[in-house]
C-alpha atoms as a PDB file:
ATOM      1  CA  UNK A   1     127.499 -22.906  27.663  1.00  0.00           C
ATOM      2  CA  UNK A   2     127.706 -23.544  23.861  1.00  0.00           C
ATOM      3  CA  UNK A   3     126.286 -27.083  24.469  1.00  0.00           C
ATOM      4  CA  UNK A   4     123.290 -25.282  26.189  1.00  0.00           C
ATOM      5  CA  UNK A   5     122.735 -23.406  23.155  1.00  0.00           C
ATOM      6  CA  UNK A   6     122.391 -26.662  21.075  1.00  0.00           C
ATOM      7  CA  UNK A   7     120.145 -28.139  23.742  1.00  0.00           C
ATOM      8  CA  UNK A   8     117.695 -25.142  23.530  1.00  0.00           C
ATOM      9  CA  UNK A   9     117.745 -23.929  19.990  1.00  0.00           C
ATOM     10  CA  UNK A  10     115.440 -26.562  18.567  1.00  0.00           C
ATOM     11  CA  UNK A  11     112.293 -26.347  16.947  1.00  0.00           C
ATOM     12  CA  UNK A  12     110.487 -28.712  19.431  1.00  0.00           C
ATOM     13  CA  UNK A  13     109.864 -27.551  23.214  1.00  0.00           C
ATOM     14  CA  UNK A  14     112.416 -28.579  25.721  1.00  0.00           C
ATOM     15  CA  UNK A  15     111.750 -28.949  29.459  1.00  0.00           C
ATOM     16  CA  UNK A  16     114.538 -28.388  31.408  1.00  0.00           C
ATOM     17  CA  UNK A  17     114.410 -29.545  35.316  1.00  0.00           C
ATOM     18  CA  UNK A  18     116.950 -27.993  37.585  1.00  0.00           C
ATOM     19  CA  UNK A  19     117.423 -30.185  40.452  1.00  0.00           C
ATOM     20  CA  UNK A  20     119.741 -31.681  42.975  1.00  0.00           C
ATOM     21  CA  UNK A  21     119.758 -35.313  44.568  1.00  0.00           C
ATOM     22  CA  UNK A  22     119.634 -34.118  48.091  1.00  0.00           C
ATOM     23  CA  UNK A  23     116.320 -31.809  47.183  1.00  0.00           C
ATOM     24  CA  UNK A  24     113.358 -33.816  48.240  1.00  0.00           C
ATOM     25  CA  UNK A  25     111.167 -31.963  46.143  1.00  0.00           C
ATOM     26  CA  UNK A  26     113.595 -32.576  43.398  1.00  0.00           C
ATOM     27  CA  UNK A  27     113.475 -36.342  43.935  1.00  0.00           C
ATOM     28  CA  UNK A  28     109.654 -36.021  43.969  1.00  0.00           C
ATOM     29  CA  UNK A  29     109.602 -34.570  40.487  1.00  0.00           C
ATOM     30  CA  UNK A  30     111.700 -37.642  38.726  1.00  0.00           C
ATOM     31  CA  UNK A  31     108.846 -40.065  38.182  1.00  0.00           C
ATOM     32  CA  UNK A  32     106.602 -37.058  37.308  1.00  0.00           C
ATOM     33  CA  UNK A  33     108.935 -35.977  34.565  1.00  0.00           C
ATOM     34  CA  UNK A  34     109.385 -39.630  33.356  1.00  0.00           C
ATOM     35  CA  UNK A  35     105.400 -39.484  32.669  1.00  0.00           C
ATOM     36  CA  UNK A  36     105.829 -36.184  30.826  1.00  0.00           C
ATOM     37  CA  UNK A  37     108.543 -37.748  28.778  1.00  0.00           C
ATOM     38  CA  UNK A  38     106.581 -40.737  27.914  1.00  0.00           C
ATOM     39  CA  UNK A  39     103.267 -38.787  27.278  1.00  0.00           C
ATOM     40  CA  UNK A  40     105.086 -36.542  24.786  1.00  0.00           C
ATOM     41  CA  UNK A  41     107.265 -39.014  22.955  1.00  0.00           C
ATOM     42  CA  UNK A  42     109.219 -37.358  20.189  1.00  0.00           C
ATOM     43  CA  UNK A  43     107.278 -34.418  20.230  1.00  0.00           C
ATOM     44  CA  UNK A  44     109.230 -32.669  23.142  1.00  0.00           C
ATOM     45  CA  UNK A  45     112.653 -33.221  25.180  1.00  0.00           C
ATOM     46  CA  UNK A  46     112.761 -33.240  28.779  1.00  0.00           C
ATOM     47  CA  UNK A  47     116.376 -32.809  30.269  1.00  0.00           C
ATOM     48  CA  UNK A  48     117.467 -32.918  33.799  1.00  0.00           C
ATOM     49  CA  UNK A  49     120.199 -30.640  34.827  1.00  0.00           C
ATOM     50  CA  UNK A  50     122.212 -31.072  38.159  1.00  0.00           C
ATOM     51  CA  UNK A  51     122.765 -27.842  39.805  1.00  0.00           C
ATOM     52  CA  UNK A  52     125.557 -29.068  41.751  1.00  0.00           C
ATOM     53  CA  UNK A  53     127.365 -30.194  38.339  1.00  0.00           C
ATOM     54  CA  UNK A  54     126.229 -27.305  36.289  1.00  0.00           C
ATOM     55  CA  UNK A  55     126.754 -24.205  38.661  1.00  0.00           C
ATOM     56  CA  UNK A  56     127.763 -21.836  36.063  1.00  0.00           C
ATOM     57  CA  UNK A  57     124.538 -22.453  34.016  1.00  0.00           C
ATOM     58  CA  UNK A  58     122.612 -22.327  37.141  1.00  0.00           C
ATOM     59  CA  UNK A  59     123.868 -19.087  38.112  1.00  0.00           C
ATOM     60  CA  UNK A  60     123.486 -17.641  34.640  1.00  0.00           C
ATOM     61  CA  UNK A  61     119.639 -18.569  34.683  1.00  0.00           C
ATOM     62  CA  UNK A  62     119.360 -17.354  38.465  1.00  0.00           C
ATOM     63  CA  UNK A  63     118.205 -20.603  39.504  1.00  0.00           C
ATOM     64  CA  UNK A  64     117.511 -20.299  43.208  1.00  0.00           C
ATOM     65  CA  UNK A  65     114.355 -22.613  44.196  1.00  0.00           C
ATOM     66  CA  UNK A  66     114.477 -26.379  43.261  1.00  0.00           C
ATOM     67  CA  UNK A  67     113.210 -27.844  41.234  1.00  0.00           C
ATOM     68  CA  UNK A  68     113.106 -25.026  38.699  1.00  0.00           C
ATOM     69  CA  UNK A  69     111.133 -25.899  35.357  1.00  0.00           C
ATOM     70  CA  UNK A  70     112.034 -24.013  32.414  1.00  0.00           C
ATOM     71  CA  UNK A  71     110.547 -24.454  28.794  1.00  0.00           C
ATOM     72  CA  UNK A  72     112.483 -23.445  25.875  1.00  0.00           C
ATOM     73  CA  UNK A  73     111.713 -23.416  22.200  1.00  0.00           C
ATOM     74  CA  UNK A  74     113.506 -22.069  19.359  1.00  0.00           C
ATOM     75  CA  UNK A  75     116.378 -21.043  21.741  1.00  0.00           C
ATOM     76  CA  UNK A  76     113.770 -18.677  23.609  1.00  0.00           C
ATOM     77  CA  UNK A  77     112.705 -19.240  27.128  1.00  0.00           C
ATOM     78  CA  UNK A  78     108.921 -19.493  27.086  1.00  0.00           C
ATOM     79  CA  UNK A  79     107.590 -20.404  30.782  1.00  0.00           C
ATOM     80  CA  UNK A  80     109.575 -20.742  33.778  1.00  0.00           C
ATOM     81  CA  UNK A  81     108.113 -21.902  37.480  1.00  0.00           C
ATOM     82  CA  UNK A  82     109.971 -23.043  40.603  1.00  0.00           C
ATOM     83  CA  UNK A  83     108.657 -25.831  43.068  1.00  0.00           C
ATOM     84  CA  UNK A  84     106.844 -28.995  42.156  1.00  0.00           C
ATOM     85  CA  UNK A  85     104.131 -29.518  39.388  1.00  0.00           C
ATOM     86  CA  UNK A  86     102.030 -32.507  38.413  1.00  0.00           C
ATOM     87  CA  UNK A  87     102.201 -34.334  35.007  1.00  0.00           C
ATOM     88  CA  UNK A  88      99.065 -33.312  33.596  1.00  0.00           C
ATOM     89  CA  UNK A  89      99.757 -29.729  33.891  1.00  0.00           C
ATOM     90  CA  UNK A  90     103.372 -29.683  32.510  1.00  0.00           C
ATOM     91  CA  UNK A  91     101.701 -31.795  29.633  1.00  0.00           C
ATOM     92  CA  UNK A  92      99.107 -29.125  29.122  1.00  0.00           C
ATOM     93  CA  UNK A  93     101.693 -26.289  29.372  1.00  0.00           C
ATOM     94  CA  UNK A  94     104.172 -28.138  27.000  1.00  0.00           C
ATOM     95  CA  UNK A  95     101.299 -28.682  24.433  1.00  0.00           C
ATOM     96  CA  UNK A  96     101.089 -24.978  24.027  1.00  0.00           C
ATOM     97  CA  UNK A  97     104.258 -24.772  22.293  1.00  0.00           C
ATOM     98  CA  UNK A  98     103.945 -27.653  19.710  1.00  0.00           C
END
């Protein structure tokens, strides 16, 4: 989990997407997250985390519903939501942490 600490302990906001390939709502978020990443450029990071491959982390963060979206900044959780979101909403939320 030390690698996780390195991912989130940065000065820019980091949007984590906890997903699985077999979850339809998770798959529906792929193009949305691409749009968010493109719109925010180097002002933020968007990282996808497959819960099947990262079960220990998913359990530690109590990820239950998919997709689960979490925003970290400076190593601290700032926002969390389960379920699908649209790109404009996510961009607006991320901009609060610039």
